[in-house]
Amino acid sequence: MVDAGSEDGTRNVARAFGATVLQHAGPTIGAQRNTAIAMATQPWVLALDADERATPELRRSIELLLAAPACQAYRVHMRNRYLGALMERGGWGRDKHVRFFRSSLRYRVNRVHERLDYEGPVADLDGRVDHDSYRDLAHQLTKVNTYARWGASDLQERNVRVGLSHLVFRPLFRFVKCYLFQGAFLEGRRGLVLSVVHAWSAFAKYALLWDAERQQASPVSDEIRAAVSAAAPDKRGRAVRFEHEQTFMHSGALRTSDGFDLAEPSSAVS
């Protein structure tokens, strides 16, 4: 088991059941899984997250498969619970992931939607993995915002530029697809909440990417703001703040709105 810094006793429980516990806060989920795979002592790996459980049917399916495996990797059907009940619509009823594979394979280390690198065909296993997706809605929103930041970073590294369609039509399509085409409306209020959160995740990702582009376009003002908020206390012992996020030139020096001299102006500041 790879632990990324849990504080709820997870490591002790795992050790009590005989697991080898590695403490490794990798840069991505894929990198963490690769750390565990590298320590595996058997030729096959079943990758599970802390909120997932293999069913007895899946165990029997794996035992039968190992007698004559035909592929390097196998998909597992997820049985997802969402906000207290089984979620079969909104795309979740057909949710499958490659989770059983040879230990020679590795995950790609992109931040969002980690994916196993493999060649050749994959097959489906019988049985399910039970997945308790989120503790509550607040937990989901926290994770969605984290994934939105990671997704924006991945897009920025690929030099993706944000257009109006990213901020308007992608979230709208995400909602319509989940709520109407994938039948989440049949799940009542839970389906509506799921669809709205899906749409929000798309909007948040591209809004964060737009914000990163905005900051790159005006690096001087953002650097000044960061420097002041982090390291420029005034005589009253508090951090100097910009009023309305503005600076101005006064008496040949750059000043904040409450009169704190930052530095002599340079040609880069206007």
C-alpha atoms as a PDB file:
ATOM      1  CA  MET A   1       0.000   0.000   0.000  1.00  0.00           C
ATOM      2  CA  VAL A   2       1.248   3.480  -0.885  1.00  0.00           C
ATOM      3  CA  ASP A   3       0.177   6.171   1.565  1.00  0.00           C
ATOM      4  CA  ALA A   4       0.382   9.827   0.522  1.00  0.00           C
ATOM      5  CA  GLY A   5       0.197  11.313   4.012  1.00  0.00           C
ATOM      6  CA  SER A   6      -3.064  10.103   5.539  1.00  0.00           C
ATOM      7  CA  GLU A   7      -3.810  11.177   9.123  1.00  0.00           C
ATOM      8  CA  ASP A   8      -6.680   8.841  10.011  1.00  0.00           C
ATOM      9  CA  GLY A   9      -4.782   5.728  11.088  1.00  0.00           C
ATOM     10  CA  THR A  10      -4.840   4.110   7.643  1.00  0.00           C
ATOM     11  CA  ARG A  11      -1.194   3.036   7.815  1.00  0.00           C
ATOM     12  CA  ASN A  12      -1.655   1.286  11.166  1.00  0.00           C
ATOM     13  CA  VAL A  13      -4.761  -0.563   9.975  1.00  0.00           C
ATOM     14  CA  ALA A  14      -2.993  -1.719   6.810  1.00  0.00           C
ATOM     15  CA  ARG A  15       0.037  -2.967   8.743  1.00  0.00           C
ATOM     16  CA  ALA A  16      -2.233  -4.819  11.175  1.00  0.00           C
ATOM     17  CA  PHE A  17      -3.582  -6.807   8.210  1.00  0.00           C
ATOM     18  CA  GLY A  18      -0.078  -7.631   7.005  1.00  0.00           C
ATOM     19  CA  ALA A  19       0.332  -5.041   4.250  1.00  0.00           C
ATOM     20  CA  THR A  20       3.671  -3.498   3.391  1.00  0.00           C
ATOM     21  CA  VAL A  21       3.136   0.255   3.687  1.00  0.00           C
ATOM     22  CA  LEU A  22       5.127   2.781   1.663  1.00  0.00           C
ATOM     23  CA  GLN A  23       4.887   6.466   2.518  1.00  0.00           C
ATOM     24  CA  HIS A  24       5.229   8.348  -0.738  1.00  0.00           C
ATOM     25  CA  ALA A  25       3.487  11.595  -1.664  1.00  0.00           C
ATOM     26  CA  GLY A  26       4.160  11.404  -5.387  1.00  0.00           C
ATOM     27  CA  PRO A  27       3.539  14.324  -7.741  1.00  0.00           C
ATOM     28  CA  THR A  28       0.611  12.504  -9.388  1.00  0.00           C
ATOM     29  CA  ILE A  29      -1.638   9.519  -8.718  1.00  0.00           C
ATOM     30  CA  GLY A  30       0.038   7.633 -11.560  1.00  0.00           C
ATOM     31  CA  ALA A  31       3.472   8.246 -10.044  1.00  0.00           C
ATOM     32  CA  GLN A  32       2.252   6.929  -6.679  1.00  0.00           C
ATOM     33  CA  ARG A  33       0.896   3.784  -8.284  1.00  0.00           C
ATOM     34  CA  ASN A  34       4.151   3.253 -10.155  1.00  0.00           C
ATOM     35  CA  THR A  35       6.003   3.363  -6.836  1.00  0.00           C
ATOM     36  CA  ALA A  36       3.828   0.549  -5.520  1.00  0.00           C
ATOM     37  CA  ILE A  37       4.067  -1.489  -8.721  1.00  0.00           C
ATOM     38  CA  ALA A  38       7.867  -1.313  -8.611  1.00  0.00           C
ATOM     39  CA  MET A  39       7.756  -2.959  -5.167  1.00  0.00           C
ATOM     40  CA  ALA A  40       5.393  -5.756  -6.231  1.00  0.00           C
ATOM     41  CA  THR A  41       6.749  -9.282  -5.766  1.00  0.00           C
ATOM     42  CA  GLN A  42       4.164 -11.063  -7.959  1.00  0.00           C
ATOM     43  CA  PRO A  43       3.761 -11.022 -11.767  1.00  0.00           C
ATOM     44  CA  TRP A  44       0.229  -9.532 -11.634  1.00  0.00           C
ATOM     45  CA  VAL A  45      -1.145  -6.406  -9.952  1.00  0.00           C
ATOM     46  CA  LEU A  46      -4.685  -5.447  -8.907  1.00  0.00           C
ATOM     47  CA  ALA A  47      -4.692  -1.656  -8.393  1.00  0.00           C
ATOM     48  CA  LEU A  48      -7.290  -0.371  -5.928  1.00  0.00           C
ATOM     49  CA  ASP A  49      -7.816   3.014  -4.309  1.00  0.00           C
ATOM     50  CA  ALA A  50      -8.592   3.402  -0.610  1.00  0.00           C
ATOM     51  CA  ASP A  51     -12.311   3.871  -1.327  1.00  0.00           C
ATOM     52  CA  GLU A  52     -12.584   0.719  -3.469  1.00  0.00           C
ATOM     53  CA  ARG A  53     -13.248  -2.927  -2.583  1.00  0.00           C
ATOM     54  CA  ALA A  54     -12.915  -6.029  -4.762  1.00  0.00           C
ATOM     55  CA  THR A  55     -15.986  -8.263  -4.664  1.00  0.00           C
ATOM     56  CA  PRO A  56     -15.764 -12.049  -4.149  1.00  0.00           C
ATOM     57  CA  GLU A  57     -16.944 -12.478  -7.756  1.00  0.00           C
ATOM     58  CA  LEU A  58     -13.981 -10.475  -8.998  1.00  0.00           C
ATOM     59  CA  ARG A  59     -11.597 -12.571  -6.917  1.00  0.00           C
ATOM     60  CA  ARG A  60     -12.946 -15.790  -8.442  1.00  0.00           C
ATOM     61  CA  SER A  61     -12.676 -14.287 -11.915  1.00  0.00           C
ATOM     62  CA  ILE A  62      -9.010 -13.436 -11.347  1.00  0.00           C
ATOM     63  CA  GLU A  63      -8.246 -16.890  -9.981  1.00  0.00           C
ATOM     64  CA  LEU A  64      -9.713 -18.505 -13.091  1.00  0.00           C
ATOM     65  CA  LEU A  65      -7.914 -16.075 -15.381  1.00  0.00           C
ATOM     66  CA  LEU A  66      -4.468 -16.773 -13.935  1.00  0.00           C
ATOM     67  CA  ALA A  67      -4.634 -20.354 -15.178  1.00  0.00           C
ATOM     68  CA  ALA A  68      -4.390 -19.117 -18.796  1.00  0.00           C
ATOM     69  CA  PRO A  69      -4.120 -15.325 -19.208  1.00  0.00           C
ATOM     70  CA  ALA A  70      -4.681 -14.065 -22.742  1.00  0.00           C
ATOM     71  CA  CYS A  71      -3.901 -10.338 -22.320  1.00  0.00           C
ATOM     72  CA  GLN A  72      -1.467  -8.073 -20.535  1.00  0.00           C
ATOM     73  CA  ALA A  73      -4.213  -5.991 -18.965  1.00  0.00           C
ATOM     74  CA  TYR A  74      -7.869  -6.389 -17.967  1.00  0.00           C
ATOM     75  CA  ARG A  75     -10.759  -4.001 -17.355  1.00  0.00           C
ATOM     76  CA  VAL A  76     -12.822  -4.076 -14.173  1.00  0.00           C
ATOM     77  CA  HIS A  77     -16.437  -2.911 -13.971  1.00  0.00           C
ATOM     78  CA  MET A  78     -16.965  -0.352 -11.174  1.00  0.00           C
ATOM     79  CA  ARG A  79     -20.095  -0.322  -8.993  1.00  0.00           C
ATOM     80  CA  ASN A  80     -20.287   3.298  -7.865  1.00  0.00           C
ATOM     81  CA  ARG A  81     -22.139   4.724  -4.891  1.00  0.00           C
ATOM     82  CA  TYR A  82     -22.901   8.437  -4.921  1.00  0.00           C
ATOM     83  CA  LEU A  83     -24.281  10.469  -2.022  1.00  0.00           C
ATOM     84  CA  GLY A  84     -25.615   7.440  -0.189  1.00  0.00           C
ATOM     85  CA  ALA A  85     -26.994   5.284  -3.007  1.00  0.00           C
ATOM     86  CA  LEU A  86     -25.946   3.219  -6.000  1.00  0.00           C
ATOM     87  CA  MET A  87     -25.531   5.381  -9.125  1.00  0.00           C
ATOM     88  CA  GLU A  88     -26.250   3.487 -12.342  1.00  0.00           C
ATOM     89  CA  ARG A  89     -26.857   6.463 -14.648  1.00  0.00           C
ATOM     90  CA  GLY A  90     -25.004   9.617 -15.612  1.00  0.00           C
ATOM     91  CA  GLY A  91     -22.310   7.465 -17.211  1.00  0.00           C
ATOM     92  CA  TRP A  92     -21.477   5.721 -13.963  1.00  0.00           C
ATOM     93  CA  GLY A  93     -23.278   2.477 -14.706  1.00  0.00           C
ATOM     94  CA  ARG A  94     -20.883   1.682 -17.574  1.00  0.00           C
ATOM     95  CA  ASP A  95     -17.779   2.812 -15.685  1.00  0.00           C
ATOM     96  CA  LYS A  96     -14.831   0.481 -16.427  1.00  0.00           C
ATOM     97  CA  HIS A  97     -11.111   0.870 -15.773  1.00  0.00           C
ATOM     98  CA  VAL A  98      -7.999  -1.175 -16.472  1.00  0.00           C
ATOM     99  CA  ARG A  99      -6.995  -2.310 -12.991  1.00  0.00           C
ATOM    100  CA  PHE A 100      -5.597  -5.845 -13.320  1.00  0.00           C
ATOM    101  CA  PHE A 101      -2.352  -6.101 -15.262  1.00  0.00           C
ATOM    102  CA  ARG A 102       1.164  -7.480 -15.415  1.00  0.00           C
ATOM    103  CA  SER A 103       3.588  -5.889 -12.977  1.00  0.00           C
ATOM    104  CA  SER A 104       5.934  -4.932 -15.821  1.00  0.00           C
ATOM    105  CA  LEU A 105       3.493  -2.199 -16.920  1.00  0.00           C
ATOM    106  CA  ARG A 106       3.446   1.380 -15.620  1.00  0.00           C
ATOM    107  CA  TYR A 107       1.028   4.308 -15.434  1.00  0.00           C
ATOM    108  CA  ARG A 108       1.435   7.555 -17.294  1.00  0.00           C
ATOM    109  CA  VAL A 109       2.241  10.336 -14.859  1.00  0.00           C
ATOM    110  CA  ASN A 110      -0.163  13.018 -16.103  1.00  0.00           C
ATOM    111  CA  ARG A 111      -1.977  14.729 -13.229  1.00  0.00           C
ATOM    112  CA  VAL A 112      -5.577  13.890 -14.156  1.00  0.00           C
ATOM    113  CA  HIS A 113      -7.135  10.617 -15.321  1.00  0.00           C
ATOM    114  CA  GLU A 114      -4.076   8.453 -14.796  1.00  0.00           C
ATOM    115  CA  ARG A 115      -3.869   5.771 -17.469  1.00  0.00           C
ATOM    116  CA  LEU A 116      -1.945   2.543 -17.727  1.00  0.00           C
ATOM    117  CA  ASP A 117       0.518   2.257 -20.599  1.00  0.00           C
ATOM    118  CA  TYR A 118      -0.029  -1.054 -22.366  1.00  0.00           C
ATOM    119  CA  GLU A 119      -0.036  -2.580 -25.842  1.00  0.00           C
ATOM    120  CA  GLY A 120      -2.401  -5.048 -27.398  1.00  0.00           C
ATOM    121  CA  PRO A 121      -5.998  -5.933 -26.585  1.00  0.00           C
ATOM    122  CA  VAL A 122      -7.650  -5.831 -23.169  1.00  0.00           C
ATOM    123  CA  ALA A 123     -10.474  -8.000 -21.872  1.00  0.00           C
ATOM    124  CA  ASP A 124     -13.160  -7.561 -19.223  1.00  0.00           C
ATOM    125  CA  LEU A 125     -13.178  -9.427 -15.944  1.00  0.00           C
ATOM    126  CA  ASP A 126     -16.331 -10.762 -14.313  1.00  0.00           C
ATOM    127  CA  GLY A 127     -17.189  -9.288 -10.942  1.00  0.00           C
ATOM    128  CA  ARG A 128     -17.127  -5.703  -9.749  1.00  0.00           C
ATOM    129  CA  VAL A 129     -15.147  -3.239  -7.693  1.00  0.00           C
ATOM    130  CA  ASP A 130     -17.350  -1.447  -5.178  1.00  0.00           C
ATOM    131  CA  HIS A 131     -16.504   2.237  -5.156  1.00  0.00           C
ATOM    132  CA  ASP A 132     -17.715   4.713  -2.505  1.00  0.00           C
ATOM    133  CA  SER A 133     -16.938   7.751  -4.577  1.00  0.00           C
ATOM    134  CA  TYR A 134     -17.218  10.605  -2.024  1.00  0.00           C
ATOM    135  CA  ARG A 135     -17.951  10.933   1.682  1.00  0.00           C
ATOM    136  CA  ASP A 136     -20.387  13.765   0.988  1.00  0.00           C
ATOM    137  CA  LEU A 137     -20.950  16.632  -1.438  1.00  0.00           C
ATOM    138  CA  ALA A 138     -18.368  18.860   0.257  1.00  0.00           C
ATOM    139  CA  HIS A 139     -15.761  16.131  -0.250  1.00  0.00           C
ATOM    140  CA  GLN A 140     -16.688  15.877  -3.931  1.00  0.00           C
ATOM    141  CA  LEU A 141     -16.407  19.634  -4.464  1.00  0.00           C
ATOM    142  CA  THR A 142     -12.984  19.656  -2.815  1.00  0.00           C
ATOM    143  CA  LYS A 143     -11.762  16.885  -5.095  1.00  0.00           C
ATOM    144  CA  VAL A 144     -13.326  18.486  -8.173  1.00  0.00           C
ATOM    145  CA  ASN A 145     -11.468  21.733  -7.498  1.00  0.00           C
ATOM    146  CA  THR A 146      -8.206  19.825  -7.029  1.00  0.00           C
ATOM    147  CA  TYR A 147      -8.674  17.951 -10.310  1.00  0.00           C
ATOM    148  CA  ALA A 148      -9.612  21.219 -12.040  1.00  0.00           C
ATOM    149  CA  ARG A 149      -6.284  22.747 -10.976  1.00  0.00           C
ATOM    150  CA  TRP A 150      -4.395  19.670 -12.133  1.00  0.00           C
ATOM    151  CA  GLY A 151      -6.291  19.598 -15.421  1.00  0.00           C
ATOM    152  CA  ALA A 152      -5.560  23.274 -16.043  1.00  0.00           C
ATOM    153  CA  SER A 153      -1.866  22.650 -15.417  1.00  0.00           C
ATOM    154  CA  ASP A 154      -1.840  19.739 -17.867  1.00  0.00           C
ATOM    155  CA  LEU A 155      -3.535  21.878 -20.533  1.00  0.00           C
ATOM    156  CA  GLN A 156      -1.126  24.741 -19.922  1.00  0.00           C
ATOM    157  CA  GLU A 157       1.845  22.438 -20.449  1.00  0.00           C
ATOM    158  CA  ARG A 158       0.283  21.421 -23.790  1.00  0.00           C
ATOM    159  CA  ASN A 159      -0.077  25.116 -24.750  1.00  0.00           C
ATOM    160  CA  VAL A 160      -3.875  24.913 -24.963  1.00  0.00           C
ATOM    161  CA  ARG A 161      -5.470  28.361 -25.247  1.00  0.00           C
ATOM    162  CA  VAL A 162      -8.882  29.139 -23.748  1.00  0.00           C
ATOM    163  CA  GLY A 163     -11.663  30.324 -26.034  1.00  0.00           C
ATOM    164  CA  LEU A 164     -15.274  31.242 -25.380  1.00  0.00           C
ATOM    165  CA  SER A 165     -16.397  27.753 -26.323  1.00  0.00           C
ATOM    166  CA  HIS A 166     -14.305  26.255 -23.523  1.00  0.00           C
ATOM    167  CA  LEU A 167     -15.987  28.431 -20.901  1.00  0.00           C
ATOM    168  CA  VAL A 168     -19.545  28.253 -22.226  1.00  0.00           C
ATOM    169  CA  PHE A 169     -20.203  25.302 -24.480  1.00  0.00           C
ATOM    170  CA  ARG A 170     -18.033  22.615 -22.897  1.00  0.00           C
ATOM    171  CA  PRO A 171     -19.682  22.938 -19.462  1.00  0.00           C
ATOM    172  CA  LEU A 172     -23.117  23.122 -21.105  1.00  0.00           C
ATOM    173  CA  PHE A 173     -22.446  19.997 -23.163  1.00  0.00           C
ATOM    174  CA  ARG A 174     -21.125  18.199 -20.073  1.00  0.00           C
ATOM    175  CA  PHE A 175     -24.391  18.928 -18.245  1.00  0.00           C
ATOM    176  CA  VAL A 176     -26.648  17.939 -21.155  1.00  0.00           C
ATOM    177  CA  LYS A 177     -24.698  14.746 -21.774  1.00  0.00           C
ATOM    178  CA  CYS A 178     -24.831  13.634 -18.141  1.00  0.00           C
ATOM    179  CA  TYR A 179     -28.350  14.772 -17.268  1.00  0.00           C
ATOM    180  CA  LEU A 180     -30.206  13.939 -20.496  1.00  0.00           C
ATOM    181  CA  PHE A 181     -28.207  11.627 -22.754  1.00  0.00           C
ATOM    182  CA  GLN A 182     -26.857   9.434 -19.925  1.00  0.00           C
ATOM    183  CA  GLY A 183     -30.121   9.490 -17.991  1.00  0.00           C
ATOM    184  CA  ALA A 184     -29.062  11.162 -14.738  1.00  0.00           C
ATOM    185  CA  PHE A 185     -32.474  12.893 -14.618  1.00  0.00           C
ATOM    186  CA  LEU A 186     -33.906   9.481 -13.679  1.00  0.00           C
ATOM    187  CA  GLU A 187     -31.866   9.606 -10.453  1.00  0.00           C
ATOM    188  CA  GLY A 188     -33.840  12.565  -9.108  1.00  0.00           C
ATOM    189  CA  ARG A 189     -32.011  15.265  -7.181  1.00  0.00           C
ATOM    190  CA  ARG A 190     -28.835  13.194  -6.929  1.00  0.00           C
ATOM    191  CA  GLY A 191     -28.706  13.040 -10.719  1.00  0.00           C
ATOM    192  CA  LEU A 192     -29.222  16.794 -10.993  1.00  0.00           C
ATOM    193  CA  VAL A 193     -26.458  17.501  -8.467  1.00  0.00           C
ATOM    194  CA  LEU A 194     -24.113  15.088 -10.242  1.00  0.00           C
ATOM    195  CA  SER A 195     -24.765  16.742 -13.621  1.00  0.00           C
ATOM    196  CA  VAL A 196     -24.248  20.269 -12.307  1.00  0.00           C
ATOM    197  CA  VAL A 197     -21.004  19.297 -10.593  1.00  0.00           C
ATOM    198  CA  HIS A 198     -19.792  17.654 -13.804  1.00  0.00           C
ATOM    199  CA  ALA A 199     -20.505  20.887 -15.665  1.00  0.00           C
ATOM    200  CA  TRP A 200     -18.782  22.926 -12.964  1.00  0.00           C
ATOM    201  CA  SER A 201     -15.655  20.770 -13.148  1.00  0.00           C
ATOM    202  CA  ALA A 202     -15.332  21.529 -16.868  1.00  0.00           C
ATOM    203  CA  PHE A 203     -15.892  25.246 -16.325  1.00  0.00           C
ATOM    204  CA  ALA A 204     -13.466  25.430 -13.368  1.00  0.00           C
ATOM    205  CA  LYS A 205     -10.691  23.731 -15.334  1.00  0.00           C
ATOM    206  CA  TYR A 206     -10.838  26.159 -18.241  1.00  0.00           C
ATOM    207  CA  ALA A 207     -11.460  29.176 -15.999  1.00  0.00           C
ATOM    208  CA  LEU A 208      -8.295  28.321 -14.068  1.00  0.00           C
ATOM    209  CA  LEU A 209      -6.409  27.935 -17.341  1.00  0.00           C
ATOM    210  CA  TRP A 210      -7.687  31.350 -18.457  1.00  0.00           C
ATOM    211  CA  ASP A 211      -6.550  32.829 -15.145  1.00  0.00           C
ATOM    212  CA  ALA A 212      -3.086  31.345 -15.643  1.00  0.00           C
ATOM    213  CA  GLU A 213      -2.949  32.902 -19.118  1.00  0.00           C
ATOM    214  CA  ARG A 214      -4.019  36.238 -17.637  1.00  0.00           C
ATOM    215  CA  GLN A 215      -1.261  36.122 -15.047  1.00  0.00           C
ATOM    216  CA  GLN A 216       1.341  35.269 -17.671  1.00  0.00           C
ATOM    217  CA  ALA A 217       0.235  38.276 -19.707  1.00  0.00           C
ATOM    218  CA  SER A 218       0.859  40.649 -16.756  1.00  0.00           C
ATOM    219  CA  PRO A 219       3.672  39.042 -14.731  1.00  0.00           C
ATOM    220  CA  VAL A 220       5.005  42.274 -13.173  1.00  0.00           C
ATOM    221  CA  SER A 221       1.836  43.198 -11.316  1.00  0.00           C
ATOM    222  CA  ASP A 222       1.324  39.633 -10.069  1.00  0.00           C
ATOM    223  CA  GLU A 223       4.924  39.339  -8.876  1.00  0.00           C
ATOM    224  CA  ILE A 224       4.583  42.621  -6.987  1.00  0.00           C
ATOM    225  CA  ARG A 225       1.318  41.490  -5.439  1.00  0.00           C
ATOM    226  CA  ALA A 226       2.823  38.184  -4.318  1.00  0.00           C
ATOM    227  CA  ALA A 227       5.931  39.862  -2.898  1.00  0.00           C
ATOM    228  CA  VAL A 228       3.933  42.396  -0.922  1.00  0.00           C
ATOM    229  CA  SER A 229       1.458  39.901   0.510  1.00  0.00           C
ATOM    230  CA  ALA A 230       4.220  37.476   1.510  1.00  0.00           C
ATOM    231  CA  ALA A 231       7.053  39.648   2.770  1.00  0.00           C
ATOM    232  CA  ALA A 232       6.222  43.312   3.323  1.00  0.00           C
ATOM    233  CA  PRO A 233       4.799  44.023   6.812  1.00  0.00           C
ATOM    234  CA  ASP A 234       4.081  47.645   7.605  1.00  0.00           C
ATOM    235  CA  LYS A 235       4.630  49.490  10.882  1.00  0.00           C
ATOM    236  CA  ARG A 236       1.416  48.034  12.337  1.00  0.00           C
ATOM    237  CA  GLY A 237       2.739  44.490  11.848  1.00  0.00           C
ATOM    238  CA  ARG A 238       0.307  43.405   9.163  1.00  0.00           C
ATOM    239  CA  ALA A 239       0.862  42.579   5.516  1.00  0.00           C
ATOM    240  CA  VAL A 240       0.566  45.511   3.142  1.00  0.00           C
ATOM    241  CA  ARG A 241      -2.456  45.104   0.898  1.00  0.00           C
ATOM    242  CA  PHE A 242      -3.280  46.688  -2.394  1.00  0.00           C
ATOM    243  CA  GLU A 243      -6.430  48.727  -2.412  1.00  0.00           C
ATOM    244  CA  HIS A 244      -8.485  47.487  -5.383  1.00  0.00           C
ATOM    245  CA  GLU A 245      -5.383  45.543  -6.496  1.00  0.00           C
ATOM    246  CA  GLN A 246      -3.757  48.789  -7.733  1.00  0.00           C
ATOM    247  CA  THR A 247      -0.368  50.485  -7.386  1.00  0.00           C
ATOM    248  CA  PHE A 248       0.607  54.003  -8.345  1.00  0.00           C
ATOM    249  CA  MET A 249       3.702  56.135  -8.883  1.00  0.00           C
ATOM    250  CA  HIS A 250       4.408  58.795  -6.283  1.00  0.00           C
ATOM    251  CA  SER A 251       7.473  60.990  -5.794  1.00  0.00           C
ATOM    252  CA  GLY A 252       9.682  58.797  -7.960  1.00  0.00           C
ATOM    253  CA  ALA A 253       8.979  55.514  -6.119  1.00  0.00           C
ATOM    254  CA  LEU A 254       6.468  52.700  -6.481  1.00  0.00           C
ATOM    255  CA  ARG A 255       3.995  52.816  -3.612  1.00  0.00           C
ATOM    256  CA  THR A 256       1.002  50.854  -2.407  1.00  0.00           C
ATOM    257  CA  SER A 257      -2.267  52.588  -1.739  1.00  0.00           C
ATOM    258  CA  ASP A 258      -1.429  52.908   1.965  1.00  0.00           C
ATOM    259  CA  GLY A 259       1.867  54.645   1.249  1.00  0.00           C
ATOM    260  CA  PHE A 260       4.434  51.843   1.641  1.00  0.00           C
ATOM    261  CA  ASP A 261       7.495  52.324  -0.610  1.00  0.00           C
ATOM    262  CA  LEU A 262       8.332  49.083  -2.391  1.00  0.00           C
ATOM    263  CA  ALA A 263      11.278  49.915  -4.626  1.00  0.00           C
ATOM    264  CA  GLU A 264      12.648  52.422  -7.009  1.00  0.00           C
ATOM    265  CA  PRO A 265      10.705  52.131 -10.276  1.00  0.00           C
ATOM    266  CA  SER A 266      12.267  50.353 -13.195  1.00  0.00           C
ATOM    267  CA  SER A 267      11.534  50.457 -16.873  1.00  0.00           C
ATOM    268  CA  ALA A 268       9.446  47.328 -16.445  1.00  0.00           C
ATOM    269  CA  VAL A 269       6.896  49.126 -14.248  1.00  0.00           C
ATOM    270  CA  SER A 270       4.497  51.583 -15.808  1.00  0.00           C
END
